Amino acid sequence: MNAQPADTTQPEEPLLPPEPLPTHVRGISAEQRSAQEEWEAVEDIQSVLLGRSAGPVPLISFNEALQFFQTTDLSECRKKIQATVHRQGLAALLHFLFGPPRLQQQLQGERDLALAIAQCGLDDKQAVHMRILQTIYKKLTCSPLGCPRYGTHWEELGFQGADPGTDLRGTGMLGLMQMLYFVMDSQMLPLALEIFRLSQHETQNFPFCIMSVNITRLVLQALREECLSRECNRRRQVIAVLNDLYAAAFLQLYRVWKSQHKTVADSGFLLKELEFSTKKKPKQLLKSLETYVSRSPVSTADGVQQPSPLSVSSSRAGEEINFTGICDLQVELEGEARLI
């Protein structure tokens, strides 16, 4: 009997049922699933821009960002610093006799750090820079999702174009740092969101981020003209004073803009008024902010509204900051306060 040839055909694999959809995808429509995939693609783009593995970019606190600049080598800026306005002749004499006191020597390093940050441009290769930008976007839009580095979404926040980095003239990264302070400080965030909502008004709208950068420019100008030295010496702080004056000036602008139904056409005049106030009446502005904060609730991590403490910067008072890699720079400021 002839042997039967061996059957070499492979047995058919049984058909398996399709894998169940993940729990977070079940029960959603095709349109919702498509939107989710688009946002996941946004996160992938964001990760590529940051040079990091896929995943959401974490928020960054003001103190963490500040620590980055404290420990970063900014020596390339050293030759550009002009810490104070240069005066000659009668102007120098009058300033010496009747002007504000000089900033205490132990505070000059902190002042120079602020001015150095103002000279730093937005760098796509610096992960901290990108986290600052993403944090501002997420906090203002109240979104847990990030966004691409470039795009029209930045115009919706009040930048002039698709690249926020082109709108930081004269303020550099300090312009973004003060926005970061505004949205990451639990006492300031409600005010920041209220101003941002007003900036989206049908008739009273204004470019929020451009206005913010202009206010930072005014604060820098007041610092360089030594108008803030008395307050800095009293509190033994510089950056905290700059941040509070920034918020106080924004609060003043918000109150006038909202109550008097101002529009973008009025912005130049209002910025001139703010320039006068930041230089001649900084203490009054700061007191106004302190009063506002003390009467306003503050959101806690669990969403519970609690009264704010009386002092705007009480949580930062007494903090000791060690400065390394501080450089000198000159901050170029336009003579006329206007929207850039």
C-alpha atoms as a PDB file:
ATOM      1  CA  MET A   1       0.000   0.000   0.000  1.00  0.00           C
ATOM      2  CA  ASN A   2       1.374   3.355  -1.011  1.00  0.00           C
ATOM      3  CA  ALA A   3       1.934   5.845   1.822  1.00  0.00           C
ATOM      4  CA  GLN A   4      -0.199   8.960   1.671  1.00  0.00           C
ATOM      5  CA  PRO A   5       1.797  12.196   1.272  1.00  0.00           C
ATOM      6  CA  ALA A   6       1.946  14.297   4.408  1.00  0.00           C
ATOM      7  CA  ASP A   7      -0.396  17.263   4.467  1.00  0.00           C
ATOM      8  CA  THR A   8       1.821  20.344   4.526  1.00  0.00           C
ATOM      9  CA  THR A   9      -0.933  22.950   4.467  1.00  0.00           C
ATOM     10  CA  GLN A  10      -1.083  25.139   7.531  1.00  0.00           C
ATOM     11  CA  PRO A  11      -4.269  24.913   9.566  1.00  0.00           C
ATOM     12  CA  GLU A  12      -6.422  27.948   9.246  1.00  0.00           C
ATOM     13  CA  GLU A  13      -6.240  30.274  12.202  1.00  0.00           C
ATOM     14  CA  PRO A  14      -9.596  30.765  13.854  1.00  0.00           C
ATOM     15  CA  LEU A  15     -11.216  34.108  13.269  1.00  0.00           C
ATOM     16  CA  LEU A  16     -10.980  36.220  16.382  1.00  0.00           C
ATOM     17  CA  PRO A  17     -13.550  38.800  17.360  1.00  0.00           C
ATOM     18  CA  PRO A  18     -12.371  42.405  16.979  1.00  0.00           C
ATOM     19  CA  GLU A  19     -10.642  43.839  20.031  1.00  0.00           C
ATOM     20  CA  PRO A  20     -13.005  45.881  22.134  1.00  0.00           C
ATOM     21  CA  LEU A  21     -12.558  49.635  21.998  1.00  0.00           C
ATOM     22  CA  PRO A  22     -10.826  51.207  24.999  1.00  0.00           C
ATOM     23  CA  THR A  23     -13.142  52.282  27.751  1.00  0.00           C
ATOM     24  CA  HIS A  24     -12.599  55.997  27.037  1.00  0.00           C
ATOM     25  CA  VAL A  25     -13.601  55.496  23.360  1.00  0.00           C
ATOM     26  CA  ARG A  26     -16.721  53.369  23.841  1.00  0.00           C
ATOM     27  CA  GLY A  27     -20.040  55.097  23.538  1.00  0.00           C
ATOM     28  CA  ILE A  28     -18.794  58.156  21.642  1.00  0.00           C
ATOM     29  CA  SER A  29     -19.808  59.168  18.177  1.00  0.00           C
ATOM     30  CA  ALA A  30     -17.605  59.032  15.092  1.00  0.00           C
ATOM     31  CA  GLU A  31     -17.400  62.828  15.175  1.00  0.00           C
ATOM     32  CA  GLN A  32     -16.226  62.849  18.790  1.00  0.00           C
ATOM     33  CA  ARG A  33     -13.691  60.119  18.023  1.00  0.00           C
ATOM     34  CA  SER A  34     -12.374  62.161  15.099  1.00  0.00           C
ATOM     35  CA  ALA A  35     -12.023  65.229  17.313  1.00  0.00           C
ATOM     36  CA  GLN A  36     -10.167  63.170  19.909  1.00  0.00           C
ATOM     37  CA  GLU A  37      -7.746  61.883  17.264  1.00  0.00           C
ATOM     38  CA  GLU A  38      -7.130  65.448  16.092  1.00  0.00           C
ATOM     39  CA  TRP A  39      -6.230  66.558  19.613  1.00  0.00           C
ATOM     40  CA  GLU A  40      -3.944  63.556  20.028  1.00  0.00           C
ATOM     41  CA  ALA A  41      -2.233  64.658  16.814  1.00  0.00           C
ATOM     42  CA  VAL A  42      -1.832  68.126  18.335  1.00  0.00           C
ATOM     43  CA  GLU A  43      -0.088  66.609  21.343  1.00  0.00           C
ATOM     44  CA  ASP A  44       2.201  64.657  18.985  1.00  0.00           C
ATOM     45  CA  ILE A  45       3.101  67.864  17.110  1.00  0.00           C
ATOM     46  CA  GLN A  46       3.711  69.588  20.406  1.00  0.00           C
ATOM     47  CA  SER A  47       5.997  66.791  21.566  1.00  0.00           C
ATOM     48  CA  VAL A  48       7.995  66.930  18.327  1.00  0.00           C
ATOM     49  CA  LEU A  49       8.460  70.684  18.721  1.00  0.00           C
ATOM     50  CA  LEU A  50       9.722  70.152  22.244  1.00  0.00           C
ATOM     51  CA  GLY A  51      11.948  67.271  21.190  1.00  0.00           C
ATOM     52  CA  ARG A  52      10.335  65.013  23.746  1.00  0.00           C
ATOM     53  CA  SER A  53       8.465  61.749  23.749  1.00  0.00           C
ATOM     54  CA  ALA A  54       4.745  61.780  23.063  1.00  0.00           C
ATOM     55  CA  GLY A  55       2.539  62.886  25.929  1.00  0.00           C
ATOM     56  CA  PRO A  56       1.032  66.017  27.387  1.00  0.00           C
ATOM     57  CA  VAL A  57       3.349  68.845  28.390  1.00  0.00           C
ATOM     58  CA  PRO A  58       3.032  69.573  32.124  1.00  0.00           C
ATOM     59  CA  LEU A  59       2.218  73.037  33.409  1.00  0.00           C
ATOM     60  CA  ILE A  60       5.089  75.049  34.807  1.00  0.00           C
ATOM     61  CA  SER A  61       4.904  77.276  37.865  1.00  0.00           C
ATOM     62  CA  PHE A  62       6.358  80.759  37.974  1.00  0.00           C
ATOM     63  CA  ASN A  63       8.939  79.716  40.571  1.00  0.00           C
ATOM     64  CA  GLU A  64      10.107  76.753  38.476  1.00  0.00           C
ATOM     65  CA  ALA A  65      10.479  78.974  35.422  1.00  0.00           C
ATOM     66  CA  LEU A  66      12.312  81.601  37.477  1.00  0.00           C
ATOM     67  CA  GLN A  67      14.686  78.982  38.820  1.00  0.00           C
ATOM     68  CA  PHE A  68      15.488  77.995  35.247  1.00  0.00           C
ATOM     69  CA  PHE A  69      16.559  81.537  34.418  1.00  0.00           C
ATOM     70  CA  GLN A  70      18.505  81.833  37.677  1.00  0.00           C
ATOM     71  CA  THR A  71      20.632  78.839  36.731  1.00  0.00           C
ATOM     72  CA  THR A  72      20.925  79.455  32.988  1.00  0.00           C
ATOM     73  CA  ASP A  73      24.025  81.062  31.533  1.00  0.00           C
ATOM     74  CA  LEU A  74      22.910  84.481  30.275  1.00  0.00           C
ATOM     75  CA  SER A  75      26.421  85.846  29.901  1.00  0.00           C
ATOM     76  CA  GLU A  76      25.901  86.737  26.230  1.00  0.00           C
ATOM     77  CA  CYS A  77      23.627  89.523  27.388  1.00  0.00           C
ATOM     78  CA  ARG A  78      26.121  91.022  29.840  1.00  0.00           C
ATOM     79  CA  LYS A  79      27.410  93.741  27.512  1.00  0.00           C
ATOM     80  CA  LYS A  80      23.905  94.981  26.692  1.00  0.00           C
ATOM     81  CA  ILE A  81      22.622  95.799  30.142  1.00  0.00           C
ATOM     82  CA  GLN A  82      21.754  99.335  31.127  1.00  0.00           C
ATOM     83  CA  ALA A  83      20.223  98.967  34.540  1.00  0.00           C
ATOM     84  CA  THR A  84      19.246 102.621  34.921  1.00  0.00           C
ATOM     85  CA  VAL A  85      18.441 105.488  32.606  1.00  0.00           C
ATOM     86  CA  HIS A  86      21.493 107.607  31.836  1.00  0.00           C
ATOM     87  CA  ARG A  87      20.941 111.262  32.756  1.00  0.00           C
ATOM     88  CA  GLN A  88      23.174 114.258  32.060  1.00  0.00           C
ATOM     89  CA  GLY A  89      23.473 117.842  33.179  1.00  0.00           C
ATOM     90  CA  LEU A  90      20.567 119.418  35.023  1.00  0.00           C
ATOM     91  CA  ALA A  91      18.437 116.280  34.767  1.00  0.00           C
ATOM     92  CA  ALA A  92      21.132 114.266  36.548  1.00  0.00           C
ATOM     93  CA  LEU A  93      21.475 116.905  39.273  1.00  0.00           C
ATOM     94  CA  LEU A  94      17.732 117.153  39.892  1.00  0.00           C
ATOM     95  CA  HIS A  95      17.440 113.377  40.003  1.00  0.00           C
ATOM     96  CA  PHE A  96      20.287 113.194  42.530  1.00  0.00           C
ATOM     97  CA  LEU A  97      18.773 115.883  44.763  1.00  0.00           C
ATOM     98  CA  PHE A  98      15.083 115.155  44.514  1.00  0.00           C
ATOM     99  CA  GLY A  99      14.747 111.775  42.826  1.00  0.00           C
ATOM    100  CA  PRO A 100      13.933 108.416  44.403  1.00  0.00           C
ATOM    101  CA  PRO A 101      16.540 106.522  46.425  1.00  0.00           C
ATOM    102  CA  ARG A 102      18.933 104.182  44.714  1.00  0.00           C
ATOM    103  CA  LEU A 103      18.245 100.484  44.763  1.00  0.00           C
ATOM    104  CA  GLN A 104      20.060  98.739  47.603  1.00  0.00           C
ATOM    105  CA  GLN A 105      23.183  96.937  46.478  1.00  0.00           C
ATOM    106  CA  GLN A 106      21.968  93.513  47.653  1.00  0.00           C
ATOM    107  CA  LEU A 107      18.954  93.848  45.330  1.00  0.00           C
ATOM    108  CA  GLN A 108      20.853  94.821  42.205  1.00  0.00           C
ATOM    109  CA  GLY A 109      21.502  91.194  41.233  1.00  0.00           C
ATOM    110  CA  GLU A 110      17.769  90.469  41.249  1.00  0.00           C
ATOM    111  CA  ARG A 111      17.135  93.612  39.214  1.00  0.00           C
ATOM    112  CA  ASP A 112      19.748  92.553  36.685  1.00  0.00           C
ATOM    113  CA  LEU A 113      18.177  89.109  36.431  1.00  0.00           C
ATOM    114  CA  ALA A 114      14.813  90.659  35.558  1.00  0.00           C
ATOM    115  CA  LEU A 115      16.451  92.807  32.908  1.00  0.00           C
ATOM    116  CA  ALA A 116      18.361  89.798  31.574  1.00  0.00           C
ATOM    117  CA  ILE A 117      15.162  87.788  31.197  1.00  0.00           C
ATOM    118  CA  ALA A 118      13.744  90.756  29.289  1.00  0.00           C
ATOM    119  CA  GLN A 119      16.587  90.392  26.796  1.00  0.00           C
ATOM    120  CA  CYS A 120      16.024  86.667  26.213  1.00  0.00           C
ATOM    121  CA  GLY A 121      14.033  85.800  23.116  1.00  0.00           C
ATOM    122  CA  LEU A 122      11.611  82.908  22.863  1.00  0.00           C
ATOM    123  CA  ASP A 123      13.679  79.836  21.947  1.00  0.00           C
ATOM    124  CA  ASP A 124      11.951  76.811  20.410  1.00  0.00           C
ATOM    125  CA  LYS A 125      14.840  74.613  21.553  1.00  0.00           C
ATOM    126  CA  GLN A 126      14.320  75.447  25.216  1.00  0.00           C
ATOM    127  CA  ALA A 127      11.729  73.100  26.721  1.00  0.00           C
ATOM    128  CA  VAL A 128      11.078  75.524  29.597  1.00  0.00           C
ATOM    129  CA  HIS A 129      10.261  78.326  27.149  1.00  0.00           C
ATOM    130  CA  MET A 130       7.759  76.063  25.400  1.00  0.00           C
ATOM    131  CA  ARG A 131       6.212  74.978  28.698  1.00  0.00           C
ATOM    132  CA  ILE A 132       5.724  78.616  29.672  1.00  0.00           C
ATOM    133  CA  LEU A 133       3.959  79.268  26.388  1.00  0.00           C
ATOM    134  CA  GLN A 134       1.782  76.159  26.683  1.00  0.00           C
ATOM    135  CA  THR A 135       0.877  76.937  30.300  1.00  0.00           C
ATOM    136  CA  ILE A 136      -0.327  80.420  29.366  1.00  0.00           C
ATOM    137  CA  TYR A 137      -2.460  78.948  26.587  1.00  0.00           C
ATOM    138  CA  LYS A 138      -3.982  76.233  28.767  1.00  0.00           C
ATOM    139  CA  LYS A 139      -4.775  78.538  31.691  1.00  0.00           C
ATOM    140  CA  LEU A 140      -6.339  81.304  29.595  1.00  0.00           C
ATOM    141  CA  THR A 141      -8.428  78.882  27.535  1.00  0.00           C
ATOM    142  CA  CYS A 142      -9.204  76.669  30.561  1.00  0.00           C
ATOM    143  CA  SER A 143      -8.221  73.701  28.408  1.00  0.00           C
ATOM    144  CA  PRO A 144      -6.257  70.626  29.529  1.00  0.00           C
ATOM    145  CA  LEU A 145      -4.971  70.277  25.968  1.00  0.00           C
ATOM    146  CA  GLY A 146      -1.970  72.001  24.478  1.00  0.00           C
ATOM    147  CA  CYS A 147      -1.642  73.544  21.052  1.00  0.00           C
ATOM    148  CA  PRO A 148       0.844  73.778  18.167  1.00  0.00           C
ATOM    149  CA  ARG A 149       3.777  76.156  18.470  1.00  0.00           C
ATOM    150  CA  TYR A 150       2.531  78.228  15.514  1.00  0.00           C
ATOM    151  CA  GLY A 151      -0.987  78.997  14.387  1.00  0.00           C
ATOM    152  CA  THR A 152      -3.956  81.341  14.416  1.00  0.00           C
ATOM    153  CA  HIS A 153      -4.921  80.157  17.905  1.00  0.00           C
ATOM    154  CA  TRP A 154      -2.331  82.600  19.266  1.00  0.00           C
ATOM    155  CA  GLU A 155      -4.171  85.469  17.612  1.00  0.00           C
ATOM    156  CA  GLU A 156      -7.272  84.421  19.538  1.00  0.00           C
ATOM    157  CA  LEU A 157      -5.295  84.981  22.741  1.00  0.00           C
ATOM    158  CA  GLY A 158      -4.313  88.449  21.605  1.00  0.00           C
ATOM    159  CA  PHE A 159      -0.983  88.079  19.858  1.00  0.00           C
ATOM    160  CA  GLN A 160      -0.564  89.807  16.522  1.00  0.00           C
ATOM    161  CA  GLY A 161       0.229  86.740  14.487  1.00  0.00           C
ATOM    162  CA  ALA A 162       0.878  83.016  14.443  1.00  0.00           C
ATOM    163  CA  ASP A 163       4.191  83.326  16.347  1.00  0.00           C
ATOM    164  CA  PRO A 164       4.082  84.864  19.846  1.00  0.00           C
ATOM    165  CA  GLY A 165       7.852  85.270  19.771  1.00  0.00           C
ATOM    166  CA  THR A 166       7.588  88.187  17.327  1.00  0.00           C
ATOM    167  CA  ASP A 167       5.483  90.223  19.781  1.00  0.00           C
ATOM    168  CA  LEU A 168       7.962  90.318  22.663  1.00  0.00           C
ATOM    169  CA  ARG A 169       9.984  93.315  21.518  1.00  0.00           C
ATOM    170  CA  GLY A 170      11.430  95.198  24.469  1.00  0.00           C
ATOM    171  CA  THR A 171      10.252  92.616  27.023  1.00  0.00           C
ATOM    172  CA  GLY A 172      11.631  89.290  25.813  1.00  0.00           C
ATOM    173  CA  MET A 173      10.780  86.332  28.011  1.00  0.00           C
ATOM    174  CA  LEU A 174       9.886  88.661  30.880  1.00  0.00           C
ATOM    175  CA  GLY A 175       6.737  89.482  28.914  1.00  0.00           C
ATOM    176  CA  LEU A 176       5.778  85.794  28.999  1.00  0.00           C
ATOM    177  CA  MET A 177       6.987  85.363  32.590  1.00  0.00           C
ATOM    178  CA  GLN A 178       4.631  88.064  33.817  1.00  0.00           C
ATOM    179  CA  MET A 179       1.741  86.452  31.928  1.00  0.00           C
ATOM    180  CA  LEU A 180       2.758  83.163  33.549  1.00  0.00           C
ATOM    181  CA  TYR A 181       2.663  84.796  36.980  1.00  0.00           C
ATOM    182  CA  PHE A 182      -0.766  86.250  36.209  1.00  0.00           C
ATOM    183  CA  VAL A 183      -2.301  82.883  35.305  1.00  0.00           C
ATOM    184  CA  MET A 184      -0.453  80.609  37.748  1.00  0.00           C
ATOM    185  CA  ASP A 185      -0.830  82.671  40.930  1.00  0.00           C
ATOM    186  CA  SER A 186      -4.033  81.517  42.654  1.00  0.00           C
ATOM    187  CA  GLN A 187      -4.814  85.076  43.766  1.00  0.00           C
ATOM    188  CA  MET A 188      -4.258  86.577  40.317  1.00  0.00           C
ATOM    189  CA  LEU A 189      -5.885  83.925  38.097  1.00  0.00           C
ATOM    190  CA  PRO A 190      -9.517  85.065  38.645  1.00  0.00           C
ATOM    191  CA  LEU A 191      -8.521  88.608  37.669  1.00  0.00           C
ATOM    192  CA  ALA A 192      -6.557  87.375  34.643  1.00  0.00           C
ATOM    193  CA  LEU A 193      -9.530  85.366  33.397  1.00  0.00           C
ATOM    194  CA  GLU A 194     -11.906  88.288  33.966  1.00  0.00           C
ATOM    195  CA  ILE A 195      -9.673  90.590  31.918  1.00  0.00           C
ATOM    196  CA  PHE A 196      -9.294  87.935  29.227  1.00  0.00           C
ATOM    197  CA  ARG A 197     -13.090  87.613  28.995  1.00  0.00           C
ATOM    198  CA  LEU A 198     -13.396  91.381  28.584  1.00  0.00           C
ATOM    199  CA  SER A 199     -10.789  91.239  25.805  1.00  0.00           C
ATOM    200  CA  GLN A 200     -13.157  88.921  23.912  1.00  0.00           C
ATOM    201  CA  HIS A 201     -16.124  91.327  24.201  1.00  0.00           C
ATOM    202  CA  GLU A 202     -18.062  92.045  21.026  1.00  0.00           C
ATOM    203  CA  THR A 203     -17.389  95.805  21.079  1.00  0.00           C
ATOM    204  CA  GLN A 204     -14.818  96.328  23.859  1.00  0.00           C
ATOM    205  CA  ASN A 205     -12.423  93.656  22.668  1.00  0.00           C
ATOM    206  CA  PHE A 206      -8.658  94.217  22.701  1.00  0.00           C
ATOM    207  CA  PRO A 207      -5.588  92.006  22.128  1.00  0.00           C
ATOM    208  CA  PHE A 208      -5.003  90.605  25.620  1.00  0.00           C
ATOM    209  CA  CYS A 209      -1.435  89.390  25.143  1.00  0.00           C
ATOM    210  CA  ILE A 210      -0.297  92.493  23.266  1.00  0.00           C
ATOM    211  CA  MET A 211      -1.756  94.647  26.031  1.00  0.00           C
ATOM    212  CA  SER A 212       0.037  92.487  28.589  1.00  0.00           C
ATOM    213  CA  VAL A 213       3.374  92.954  26.807  1.00  0.00           C
ATOM    214  CA  ASN A 214       2.837  96.726  26.739  1.00  0.00           C
ATOM    215  CA  ILE A 215       2.199  96.758  30.484  1.00  0.00           C
ATOM    216  CA  THR A 216       5.407  94.775  31.053  1.00  0.00           C
ATOM    217  CA  ARG A 217       7.234  97.427  29.003  1.00  0.00           C
ATOM    218  CA  LEU A 218       5.867 100.156  31.270  1.00  0.00           C
ATOM    219  CA  VAL A 219       6.934  98.237  34.374  1.00  0.00           C
ATOM    220  CA  LEU A 220      10.440  97.772  32.973  1.00  0.00           C
ATOM    221  CA  GLN A 221      10.658 101.451  32.175  1.00  0.00           C
ATOM    222  CA  ALA A 222       9.633 102.363  35.725  1.00  0.00           C
ATOM    223  CA  LEU A 223      12.300  99.987  37.067  1.00  0.00           C
ATOM    224  CA  ARG A 224      15.057 101.455  34.921  1.00  0.00           C
ATOM    225  CA  GLU A 225      14.080 104.994  35.893  1.00  0.00           C
ATOM    226  CA  GLU A 226      14.399 103.948  39.556  1.00  0.00           C
ATOM    227  CA  CYS A 227      10.754 104.744  40.245  1.00  0.00           C
ATOM    228  CA  LEU A 228      10.342 101.416  42.049  1.00  0.00           C
ATOM    229  CA  SER A 229      13.499 101.534  44.164  1.00  0.00           C
ATOM    230  CA  ARG A 230      11.755 102.747  47.310  1.00  0.00           C
ATOM    231  CA  GLU A 231       9.184  99.937  47.188  1.00  0.00           C
ATOM    232  CA  CYS A 232      11.810  97.323  46.306  1.00  0.00           C
ATOM    233  CA  ASN A 233      14.019  98.473  49.170  1.00  0.00           C
ATOM    234  CA  ARG A 234      11.082  98.388  51.583  1.00  0.00           C
ATOM    235  CA  ARG A 235      10.084  94.851  50.615  1.00  0.00           C
ATOM    236  CA  ARG A 236      13.641  93.681  49.893  1.00  0.00           C
ATOM    237  CA  GLN A 237      12.402  92.216  46.617  1.00  0.00           C
ATOM    238  CA  VAL A 238      12.483  93.228  42.979  1.00  0.00           C
ATOM    239  CA  ILE A 239      10.784  90.585  40.833  1.00  0.00           C
ATOM    240  CA  ALA A 240       7.806  90.272  43.204  1.00  0.00           C
ATOM    241  CA  VAL A 241       7.362  94.056  43.068  1.00  0.00           C
ATOM    242  CA  LEU A 242       7.510  93.994  39.262  1.00  0.00           C
ATOM    243  CA  ASN A 243       4.888  91.251  39.127  1.00  0.00           C
ATOM    244  CA  ASP A 244       2.550  93.016  41.530  1.00  0.00           C
ATOM    245  CA  LEU A 245       2.904  96.330  39.703  1.00  0.00           C
ATOM    246  CA  TYR A 246       2.163  94.534  36.426  1.00  0.00           C
ATOM    247  CA  ALA A 247      -1.013  93.049  37.906  1.00  0.00           C
ATOM    248  CA  ALA A 248      -1.969  96.371  39.498  1.00  0.00           C
ATOM    249  CA  ALA A 249      -1.572  98.218  36.210  1.00  0.00           C
ATOM    250  CA  PHE A 250      -3.624  95.571  34.396  1.00  0.00           C
ATOM    251  CA  LEU A 251      -6.321  95.897  37.077  1.00  0.00           C
ATOM    252  CA  GLN A 252      -6.410  99.669  36.633  1.00  0.00           C
ATOM    253  CA  LEU A 253      -6.690  99.290  32.860  1.00  0.00           C
ATOM    254  CA  TYR A 254      -9.466  96.711  33.257  1.00  0.00           C
ATOM    255  CA  ARG A 255     -11.519  98.933  35.560  1.00  0.00           C
ATOM    256  CA  VAL A 256     -11.332 101.964  33.298  1.00  0.00           C
ATOM    257  CA  TRP A 257     -11.829  99.936  30.118  1.00  0.00           C
ATOM    258  CA  LYS A 258     -14.916  98.174  31.445  1.00  0.00           C
ATOM    259  CA  SER A 259     -16.617 101.023  33.339  1.00  0.00           C
ATOM    260  CA  GLN A 260     -16.018 103.683  30.680  1.00  0.00           C
ATOM    261  CA  HIS A 261     -16.750 101.370  27.732  1.00  0.00           C
ATOM    262  CA  LYS A 262     -13.348 101.874  26.127  1.00  0.00           C
ATOM    263  CA  THR A 263     -12.271 100.350  22.823  1.00  0.00           C
ATOM    264  CA  VAL A 264      -8.962  99.721  21.063  1.00  0.00           C
ATOM    265  CA  ALA A 265      -9.115 103.288  19.754  1.00  0.00           C
ATOM    266  CA  ASP A 266      -8.587 104.487  23.351  1.00  0.00           C
ATOM    267  CA  SER A 267      -5.631 102.203  24.090  1.00  0.00           C
ATOM    268  CA  GLY A 268      -2.861 104.727  23.380  1.00  0.00           C
ATOM    269  CA  PHE A 269      -4.301 107.293  25.768  1.00  0.00           C
ATOM    270  CA  LEU A 270      -4.918 104.700  28.496  1.00  0.00           C
ATOM    271  CA  LEU A 271      -1.380 103.360  28.215  1.00  0.00           C
ATOM    272  CA  LYS A 272      -0.013 106.890  28.611  1.00  0.00           C
ATOM    273  CA  GLU A 273      -2.043 107.211  31.797  1.00  0.00           C
ATOM    274  CA  LEU A 274      -0.697 103.888  33.020  1.00  0.00           C
ATOM    275  CA  GLU A 275       2.844 105.009  32.221  1.00  0.00           C
ATOM    276  CA  PHE A 276       2.347 108.031  34.460  1.00  0.00           C
ATOM    277  CA  SER A 277       0.860 105.905  37.255  1.00  0.00           C
ATOM    278  CA  THR A 278       3.600 103.250  37.187  1.00  0.00           C
ATOM    279  CA  LYS A 279       6.288 105.926  37.423  1.00  0.00           C
ATOM    280  CA  LYS A 280       4.701 108.526  39.696  1.00  0.00           C
ATOM    281  CA  LYS A 281       2.182 106.564  41.766  1.00  0.00           C
ATOM    282  CA  PRO A 282       3.335 102.934  41.998  1.00  0.00           C
ATOM    283  CA  LYS A 283       2.508 102.723  45.705  1.00  0.00           C
ATOM    284  CA  GLN A 284      -1.065 103.809  45.021  1.00  0.00           C
ATOM    285  CA  LEU A 285      -1.435 101.203  42.274  1.00  0.00           C
ATOM    286  CA  LEU A 286      -0.081  98.458  44.519  1.00  0.00           C
ATOM    287  CA  LYS A 287      -2.410  99.449  47.335  1.00  0.00           C
ATOM    288  CA  SER A 288      -5.350  99.275  44.952  1.00  0.00           C
ATOM    289  CA  LEU A 289      -4.358  95.737  43.946  1.00  0.00           C
ATOM    290  CA  GLU A 290      -3.965  94.681  47.574  1.00  0.00           C
ATOM    291  CA  THR A 291      -7.450  95.970  48.370  1.00  0.00           C
ATOM    292  CA  TYR A 292      -8.929  94.217  45.342  1.00  0.00           C
ATOM    293  CA  VAL A 293      -7.304  90.887  46.188  1.00  0.00           C
ATOM    294  CA  SER A 294      -8.328  91.052  49.851  1.00  0.00           C
ATOM    295  CA  ARG A 295     -11.970  91.389  48.827  1.00  0.00           C
ATOM    296  CA  SER A 296     -11.936  88.763  46.091  1.00  0.00           C
ATOM    297  CA  PRO A 297     -12.295  84.995  46.556  1.00  0.00           C
ATOM    298  CA  VAL A 298      -9.484  82.768  45.410  1.00  0.00           C
ATOM    299  CA  SER A 299      -9.846  79.330  43.843  1.00  0.00           C
ATOM    300  CA  THR A 300      -8.155  76.467  45.652  1.00  0.00           C
ATOM    301  CA  ALA A 301      -6.986  73.252  44.050  1.00  0.00           C
ATOM    302  CA  ASP A 302     -10.321  71.577  44.802  1.00  0.00           C
ATOM    303  CA  GLY A 303     -12.304  74.482  43.377  1.00  0.00           C
ATOM    304  CA  VAL A 304     -13.491  75.841  46.732  1.00  0.00           C
ATOM    305  CA  GLN A 305     -13.701  79.624  46.904  1.00  0.00           C
ATOM    306  CA  GLN A 306     -11.913  81.124  49.901  1.00  0.00           C
ATOM    307  CA  PRO A 307     -11.170  84.717  50.948  1.00  0.00           C
ATOM    308  CA  SER A 308      -7.765  85.921  49.884  1.00  0.00           C
ATOM    309  CA  PRO A 309      -5.092  86.909  52.394  1.00  0.00           C
ATOM    310  CA  LEU A 310      -4.587  90.626  52.901  1.00  0.00           C
ATOM    311  CA  SER A 311      -1.113  90.869  51.467  1.00  0.00           C
ATOM    312  CA  VAL A 312      -0.703  90.394  47.743  1.00  0.00           C
ATOM    313  CA  SER A 313       2.818  89.044  48.048  1.00  0.00           C
ATOM    314  CA  SER A 314       2.754  87.673  51.566  1.00  0.00           C
ATOM    315  CA  SER A 315       3.507  84.162  50.286  1.00  0.00           C
ATOM    316  CA  ARG A 316       6.626  85.445  48.543  1.00  0.00           C
ATOM    317  CA  ALA A 317       7.813  87.779  51.288  1.00  0.00           C
ATOM    318  CA  GLY A 318      11.062  86.736  52.850  1.00  0.00           C
ATOM    319  CA  GLU A 319      11.980  84.235  50.147  1.00  0.00           C
ATOM    320  CA  GLU A 320      15.703  84.134  49.611  1.00  0.00           C
ATOM    321  CA  ILE A 321      16.774  83.858  45.996  1.00  0.00           C
ATOM    322  CA  ASN A 322      20.281  82.887  44.982  1.00  0.00           C
ATOM    323  CA  PHE A 323      21.347  84.216  41.615  1.00  0.00           C
ATOM    324  CA  THR A 324      23.805  82.529  39.283  1.00  0.00           C
ATOM    325  CA  GLY A 325      24.621  83.260  35.693  1.00  0.00           C
ATOM    326  CA  ILE A 326      23.151  86.753  35.834  1.00  0.00           C
ATOM    327  CA  CYS A 327      24.020  89.031  32.927  1.00  0.00           C
ATOM    328  CA  ASP A 328      23.696  92.648  31.994  1.00  0.00           C
ATOM    329  CA  LEU A 329      21.575  93.979  29.192  1.00  0.00           C
ATOM    330  CA  GLN A 330      19.845  96.999  27.809  1.00  0.00           C
ATOM    331  CA  VAL A 331      16.098  96.949  27.399  1.00  0.00           C
ATOM    332  CA  GLU A 332      15.046  99.061  24.470  1.00  0.00           C
ATOM    333  CA  LEU A 333      11.805 100.866  25.161  1.00  0.00           C
ATOM    334  CA  GLU A 334       9.802 103.037  22.848  1.00  0.00           C
ATOM    335  CA  GLY A 335       9.229 106.586  24.039  1.00  0.00           C
ATOM    336  CA  GLU A 336       5.524 106.512  23.287  1.00  0.00           C
ATOM    337  CA  ALA A 337       3.285 104.094  25.127  1.00  0.00           C
ATOM    338  CA  ARG A 338       1.061 102.444  22.566  1.00  0.00           C
ATOM    339  CA  LEU A 339      -0.009  99.029  21.396  1.00  0.00           C
ATOM    340  CA  ILE A 340       2.927  97.444  19.602  1.00  0.00           C
END
